[in-house]
Amino acid sequence: MFIFAPFASLRLCGESSQLSSRTNARERRRPGPLCYHRQLDFSRLPALLNVDLHCHSTASDGLLPAAEVVRRAGANAVDMLALTDHDDLSGLASARSVADELAMRFINGVEISIEWGGLQVHLLGFAFAADDVPLNAGLAAIRSGRVTRARRMGAELEKIGIGGCFDGAMRHAENPNLISRSHFARHLVDIGVCRDVRSVFESYIVPGRPGYVDHQWATLEQALAWIHGAGGIAAVAHPGRYKLSRPELRRFLDEFKGLGGEAIEVVSGSHSADKVALFGRLASEYGFLASCGSDFHGPGESYIDLGKLAPLPAGLEPIWEAF
């Protein structure tokens, strides 16, 4: 059941009813998205916050510098934010500085690339010590092969008649050590090969397509050890995006939980309402904490803007209660 007036103007994904220095900004906010849940527990509303625990900056494959990501989140009345750049922590200090200016709670975050069952899967790490030596060394090891992989991707694309892709992608990468498929996608859009980034991924740079190249990522066990060793909490990022059968997904979640994984991203910018319901049920079944994040990369290139998420399904334990 969708909620129409007078309840449509309530933002249920998470805003605090507590008065703050940003009350005026909240009053100017446009109504949030309609809730897709069949039942609403209105007793939870006063405790809800506007939380976004998954976004990217130019430290990896985002379009905005870390400070600007935080300012955009502040303009969208986000109460709690985690910056989760791919395999890199260099944006955290500037992001935290701006968050402090805005009286926004900031959580150290990272998105770690791992390989499981022949697939690339992403884990989110939260609330860790950013100066932890093993964590930083592990992330550096992952980053070290990215330029080599990018050169191989450029060579594969040249084989099908699309030349100059490595140099073009590098022009989009503010941090060249973090060159990624997103940078290739932006270049291919620039030269008119595809109409948008999503189309590039579908046609050229996912497994089975001509521009995709395998890379040796971290293992699940390694990534969890780095996160936990730094005092953090681990979550599976956007589980609805992986091409896993239901039995494969359960095997992955069993292994993740068995190695100490604590959480799953239930609400993601790329999750449909059906996916949210599915991963909400799995979170309850496995006893996982529930996370939510837009996976914001930049204006015009993301599924959803910062802080514009639908709510977590009722009855789940939010991950931020463990921070």
Protein backbone atom coordinates (compact mmCIF):
# COMPACT_ATOMS: atom_id res chain seq x y z
CA MET A 1 0.00 0.00 0.00
CA PHE A 2 1.34 3.40 -0.91
CA ILE A 3 0.84 6.30 1.47
CA PHE A 4 -0.79 9.37 0.02
CA ALA A 5 -1.66 12.73 1.59
CA PRO A 6 -1.47 13.65 4.35
CA PHE A 7 1.35 11.15 4.93
CA ALA A 8 3.13 11.48 1.59
CA SER A 9 5.19 14.40 2.85
CA LEU A 10 6.70 12.32 5.67
CA ARG A 11 10.27 11.21 4.98
CA LEU A 12 10.35 7.67 6.35
CA CYS A 13 13.87 6.63 5.30
CA GLY A 14 15.22 8.34 8.03
CA GLU A 15 14.98 11.76 9.41
CA SER A 16 15.10 12.69 13.06
CA SER A 17 12.21 14.57 14.54
CA GLN A 18 14.71 16.14 16.92
CA LEU A 19 15.24 19.87 16.39
CA SER A 20 18.71 20.75 15.10
CA SER A 21 20.67 23.54 13.48
CA ARG A 22 19.34 22.35 10.17
CA THR A 23 15.64 22.60 10.99
CA ASN A 24 15.03 25.31 8.40
CA ALA A 25 16.69 23.24 5.70
CA ARG A 26 14.46 20.33 6.61
CA GLU A 27 11.35 22.48 6.34
CA ARG A 28 12.35 23.48 2.81
CA ARG A 29 12.95 19.89 1.75
CA ARG A 30 10.72 18.46 -0.94
CA PRO A 31 8.62 15.46 0.02
CA GLY A 32 10.56 12.20 -0.11
CA PRO A 33 9.64 9.16 -2.17
CA LEU A 34 6.45 7.30 -1.42
CA CYS A 35 6.90 4.34 0.85
CA TYR A 36 6.52 0.94 -0.77
CA HIS A 37 5.91 -1.03 2.44
CA ARG A 38 2.59 -2.65 3.14
CA GLN A 39 2.69 -1.88 6.84
CA LEU A 40 4.17 1.09 8.62
CA ASP A 41 5.19 1.23 12.25
CA PHE A 42 4.61 4.90 13.02
CA SER A 43 5.92 4.41 16.53
CA ARG A 44 9.42 4.27 14.99
CA LEU A 45 9.22 7.65 13.26
CA PRO A 46 10.60 9.88 16.04
CA ALA A 47 13.82 7.84 16.23
CA LEU A 48 14.53 7.70 12.50
CA LEU A 49 17.47 9.49 10.94
CA ASN A 50 18.30 10.39 7.37
CA VAL A 51 21.19 7.98 6.88
CA ASP A 52 23.26 7.33 3.74
CA LEU A 53 26.11 4.86 4.19
CA HIS A 54 27.31 4.32 0.62
CA CYS A 55 28.71 6.99 -1.69
CA HIS A 56 31.82 7.81 -3.72
CA SER A 57 34.11 10.74 -4.44
CA THR A 58 36.91 11.48 -6.90
CA ALA A 59 39.20 9.54 -4.55
CA SER A 60 37.83 6.54 -6.46
CA ASP A 61 35.21 6.70 -9.24
CA GLY A 62 32.88 9.49 -8.08
CA LEU A 63 32.42 12.75 -9.93
CA LEU A 64 32.70 15.13 -6.95
CA PRO A 65 35.56 15.74 -4.49
CA ALA A 66 34.94 14.30 -1.04
CA ALA A 67 34.20 17.70 0.49
CA GLU A 68 31.57 18.42 -2.17
CA VAL A 69 29.94 15.04 -1.62
CA VAL A 70 29.47 15.93 2.04
CA ARG A 71 28.15 19.40 1.23
CA ARG A 72 25.64 17.88 -1.17
CA ALA A 73 24.57 15.43 1.53
CA GLY A 74 24.17 18.34 3.93
CA ALA A 75 22.00 20.21 1.42
CA ASN A 76 19.84 17.08 1.27
CA ALA A 77 19.53 17.07 5.10
CA VAL A 78 21.51 13.88 5.67
CA ASP A 79 22.10 13.28 9.38
CA MET A 80 24.68 10.50 9.10
CA LEU A 81 26.98 9.83 6.16
CA ALA A 82 29.67 7.31 5.29
CA LEU A 83 32.04 7.94 2.38
CA THR A 84 32.85 4.52 0.90
CA ASP A 85 35.35 4.97 -1.90
CA HIS A 86 36.62 1.86 -3.65
CA ASP A 87 39.73 0.44 -1.99
CA ASP A 88 40.92 3.89 -0.86
CA LEU A 89 40.69 6.04 2.27
CA SER A 90 42.21 9.28 0.98
CA GLY A 91 38.92 11.19 0.93
CA LEU A 92 37.98 10.52 4.55
CA ALA A 93 39.86 13.38 6.23
CA SER A 94 38.44 16.17 4.06
CA ALA A 95 34.98 14.61 4.19
CA ARG A 96 35.06 14.47 7.99
CA SER A 97 36.23 18.08 8.21
CA VAL A 98 33.23 19.32 6.23
CA ALA A 99 30.86 17.01 8.11
CA ASP A 100 32.07 18.54 11.37
CA GLU A 101 31.33 22.02 10.00
CA LEU A 102 27.79 20.90 9.13
CA ALA A 103 27.20 19.11 12.46
CA MET A 104 26.67 15.91 10.47
CA ARG A 105 27.72 12.59 11.95
CA PHE A 106 30.41 11.10 9.73
CA ILE A 107 31.39 7.41 9.61
CA ASN A 108 34.65 6.15 8.15
CA GLY A 109 33.79 3.89 5.22
CA VAL A 110 35.34 1.94 2.37
CA GLU A 111 34.10 -0.39 -0.38
CA ILE A 112 36.49 -3.31 -0.82
CA SER A 113 36.65 -5.32 -4.03
CA ILE A 114 36.79 -9.07 -3.47
CA GLU A 115 36.53 -12.18 -5.61
CA TRP A 116 34.16 -14.96 -4.64
CA GLY A 117 33.12 -17.87 -6.82
CA GLY A 118 34.69 -16.26 -9.86
CA LEU A 119 32.68 -13.07 -9.41
CA GLN A 120 33.69 -9.61 -8.24
CA VAL A 121 31.75 -8.79 -5.08
CA HIS A 122 31.98 -5.68 -2.90
CA LEU A 123 32.10 -5.43 0.88
CA LEU A 124 31.50 -2.24 2.83
CA GLY A 125 33.58 -1.51 5.90
CA PHE A 126 32.36 1.00 8.50
CA ALA A 127 33.56 2.71 11.67
CA PHE A 128 37.15 1.48 11.46
CA ALA A 129 40.41 3.19 12.39
CA ALA A 130 41.55 4.85 9.18
CA ASP A 131 45.21 4.69 10.18
CA ASP A 132 45.21 0.92 10.70
CA VAL A 133 48.37 -0.43 9.05
CA PRO A 134 47.13 -3.86 7.82
CA LEU A 135 43.95 -2.31 6.40
CA ASN A 136 45.89 0.33 4.48
CA ALA A 137 48.43 -2.22 3.26
CA GLY A 138 45.65 -4.50 2.03
CA LEU A 139 43.92 -1.70 0.15
CA ALA A 140 47.24 -0.65 -1.40
CA ALA A 141 47.74 -4.21 -2.64
CA ILE A 142 44.33 -4.18 -4.33
CA ARG A 143 45.02 -0.81 -5.96
CA SER A 144 48.43 -1.83 -7.28
CA GLY A 145 47.04 -3.86 -10.17
CA ARG A 146 44.42 -1.42 -11.38
CA VAL A 147 46.59 0.42 -13.93
CA THR A 148 47.78 -2.86 -15.43
CA ARG A 149 44.19 -4.04 -15.72
CA ALA A 150 43.20 -0.73 -17.31
CA ARG A 151 45.88 -1.09 -19.98
CA ARG A 152 44.57 -4.57 -20.75
CA MET A 153 41.01 -3.21 -20.98
CA GLY A 154 42.18 -0.55 -23.41
CA ALA A 155 43.87 -3.21 -25.54
CA GLU A 156 40.73 -5.37 -25.58
CA LEU A 157 38.57 -2.44 -26.67
CA GLU A 158 41.09 -1.56 -29.37
CA LYS A 159 40.69 -5.08 -30.78
CA ILE A 160 37.05 -4.27 -31.59
CA GLY A 161 37.92 -0.93 -33.14
CA ILE A 162 37.63 1.46 -30.20
CA GLY A 163 41.08 2.97 -29.80
CA GLY A 164 42.50 5.39 -27.25
CA CYS A 165 40.38 4.12 -24.37
CA PHE A 166 43.16 3.80 -21.80
CA ASP A 167 44.26 7.42 -22.26
CA GLY A 168 40.66 8.57 -22.37
CA ALA A 169 39.77 6.75 -19.16
CA MET A 170 42.85 8.10 -17.40
CA ARG A 171 41.72 11.65 -18.18
CA HIS A 172 38.59 10.93 -16.11
CA ALA A 173 40.53 9.46 -13.17
CA GLU A 174 41.56 12.13 -10.68
CA ASN A 175 43.24 9.37 -8.69
CA PRO A 176 45.05 7.34 -11.42
CA ASN A 177 45.78 4.49 -9.01
CA LEU A 178 42.02 3.98 -8.73
CA ILE A 179 41.24 3.88 -12.44
CA SER A 180 38.13 1.78 -12.83
CA ARG A 181 35.51 0.59 -15.28
CA SER A 182 33.49 3.72 -14.49
CA HIS A 183 36.24 5.88 -15.96
CA PHE A 184 36.22 3.80 -19.15
CA ALA A 185 32.43 4.08 -19.24
CA ARG A 186 32.56 7.89 -19.03
CA HIS A 187 35.08 8.02 -21.86
CA LEU A 188 32.96 5.77 -24.07
CA VAL A 189 29.96 8.01 -23.44
CA ASP A 190 32.08 11.08 -24.29
CA ILE A 191 33.08 9.67 -27.67
CA GLY A 192 29.53 8.60 -28.51
CA VAL A 193 29.89 4.82 -28.26
CA CYS A 194 26.96 4.60 -25.82
CA ARG A 195 24.32 7.02 -24.59
CA ASP A 196 25.05 6.60 -20.87
CA VAL A 197 27.33 4.89 -18.38
CA ARG A 198 24.88 2.12 -17.60
CA SER A 199 24.69 1.16 -21.27
CA VAL A 200 28.48 0.95 -21.47
CA PHE A 201 28.60 -1.50 -18.59
CA GLU A 202 25.89 -3.67 -20.12
CA SER A 203 27.49 -3.78 -23.58
CA TYR A 204 31.23 -3.63 -23.03
CA ILE A 205 32.71 -3.97 -19.54
CA VAL A 206 30.94 -6.72 -17.61
CA PRO A 207 31.94 -10.43 -17.72
CA GLY A 208 31.33 -11.89 -21.16
CA ARG A 209 31.59 -8.52 -22.94
CA PRO A 210 34.54 -7.48 -25.14
CA GLY A 211 36.10 -4.88 -22.84
CA TYR A 212 36.00 -6.83 -19.59
CA VAL A 213 39.27 -8.03 -18.04
CA ASP A 214 39.64 -10.20 -14.95
CA HIS A 215 41.64 -8.93 -12.00
CA GLN A 216 42.93 -10.54 -8.82
CA TRP A 217 40.98 -8.95 -5.99
CA ALA A 218 41.11 -9.70 -2.27
CA THR A 219 39.47 -12.80 -0.84
CA LEU A 220 36.42 -12.60 1.42
CA GLU A 221 38.52 -13.79 4.34
CA GLN A 222 41.22 -11.15 3.72
CA ALA A 223 38.78 -8.26 3.43
CA LEU A 224 36.90 -9.22 6.58
CA ALA A 225 40.18 -9.59 8.48
CA TRP A 226 41.25 -6.07 7.44
CA ILE A 227 37.93 -4.50 8.43
CA HIS A 228 37.65 -6.30 11.75
CA GLY A 229 41.33 -5.84 12.55
CA ALA A 230 40.80 -2.09 12.25
CA GLY A 231 37.83 -2.26 14.64
CA GLY A 232 35.18 -1.95 11.94
CA ILE A 233 31.91 -3.58 10.90
CA ALA A 234 31.49 -5.36 7.55
CA ALA A 235 28.44 -5.33 5.28
CA VAL A 236 27.68 -6.88 1.90
CA ALA A 237 27.26 -4.05 -0.63
CA HIS A 238 24.20 -3.99 -2.96
CA PRO A 239 23.69 -7.80 -2.92
CA GLY A 240 20.99 -7.52 -5.57
CA ARG A 241 23.54 -6.63 -8.24
CA TYR A 242 25.48 -9.90 -8.27
CA LYS A 243 24.65 -12.66 -10.71
CA LEU A 244 24.23 -15.30 -8.04
CA SER A 245 21.58 -17.98 -8.00
CA ARG A 246 19.61 -18.31 -4.78
CA PRO A 247 21.70 -21.32 -3.67
CA GLU A 248 24.93 -19.46 -4.54
CA LEU A 249 23.73 -16.38 -2.65
CA ARG A 250 23.03 -18.48 0.42
CA ARG A 251 26.44 -20.12 0.21
CA PHE A 252 28.05 -16.69 0.04
CA LEU A 253 26.03 -15.37 2.99
CA ASP A 254 26.79 -18.52 4.98
CA GLU A 255 30.51 -18.01 4.40
CA PHE A 256 30.29 -14.27 5.09
CA LYS A 257 28.51 -14.89 8.40
CA GLY A 258 30.82 -17.75 9.32
CA LEU A 259 33.82 -15.44 8.93
CA GLY A 260 32.26 -12.82 11.17
CA GLY A 261 30.38 -10.62 8.68
CA GLU A 262 27.77 -8.57 10.51
CA ALA A 263 25.52 -6.74 8.02
CA ILE A 264 23.91 -6.55 4.62
CA GLU A 265 22.91 -3.52 2.54
CA VAL A 266 19.14 -3.98 2.39
CA VAL A 267 18.21 -0.62 0.86
CA SER A 268 20.40 0.42 -2.05
CA GLY A 269 19.94 2.89 -4.87
CA SER A 270 20.01 -0.07 -7.26
CA HIS A 271 17.54 -2.26 -5.35
CA SER A 272 13.93 -2.53 -6.42
CA ALA A 273 11.19 -2.84 -3.82
CA ASP A 274 11.21 -6.62 -4.38
CA LYS A 275 14.96 -6.75 -3.73
CA VAL A 276 14.56 -4.66 -0.57
CA ALA A 277 11.92 -7.09 0.68
CA LEU A 278 14.11 -10.11 -0.19
CA PHE A 279 17.23 -8.81 1.54
CA GLY A 280 15.20 -7.61 4.48
CA ARG A 281 13.98 -11.18 4.95
CA LEU A 282 17.51 -12.53 4.60
CA ALA A 283 18.82 -10.00 7.11
CA SER A 284 16.25 -11.24 9.62
CA GLU A 285 16.96 -14.89 8.86
CA TYR A 286 20.73 -14.54 9.23
CA GLY A 287 20.62 -12.07 12.10
CA PHE A 288 22.40 -9.40 10.07
CA LEU A 289 22.33 -5.71 10.82
CA ALA A 290 20.62 -3.77 8.03
CA SER A 291 22.40 -1.01 6.11
CA CYS A 292 21.21 1.51 3.55
CA GLY A 293 23.05 3.59 0.98
CA SER A 294 22.45 5.43 -2.26
CA ASP A 295 25.71 4.33 -3.95
CA PHE A 296 25.88 7.93 -5.17
CA HIS A 297 28.64 8.59 -7.73
CA GLY A 298 27.60 11.96 -9.06
CA PRO A 299 24.76 14.10 -10.43
CA GLY A 300 23.10 12.51 -13.44
CA GLU A 301 25.01 9.24 -13.07
CA SER A 302 23.48 7.59 -10.03
CA TYR A 303 20.36 5.61 -9.31
CA ILE A 304 19.35 8.05 -6.59
CA ASP A 305 20.69 11.20 -4.94
CA LEU A 306 22.29 11.33 -1.51
CA GLY A 307 19.83 11.02 1.35
CA LYS A 308 16.84 10.19 -0.88
CA LEU A 309 16.48 6.55 0.09
CA ALA A 310 13.34 4.65 0.98
CA PRO A 311 13.15 3.33 4.57
CA LEU A 312 14.47 0.10 5.92
CA PRO A 313 11.69 -2.47 6.30
CA ALA A 314 10.21 -2.51 9.79
CA GLY A 315 11.64 -4.94 12.30
CA LEU A 316 15.27 -4.83 11.16
CA GLU A 317 18.13 -3.65 13.35
CA PRO A 318 19.84 -0.68 11.67
CA ILE A 319 23.60 -0.97 11.40
CA TRP A 320 24.11 2.57 12.69
CA GLU A 321 22.89 1.51 16.12
CA ALA A 322 26.18 -0.41 16.38
CA PHE A 323 28.39 2.58 15.59
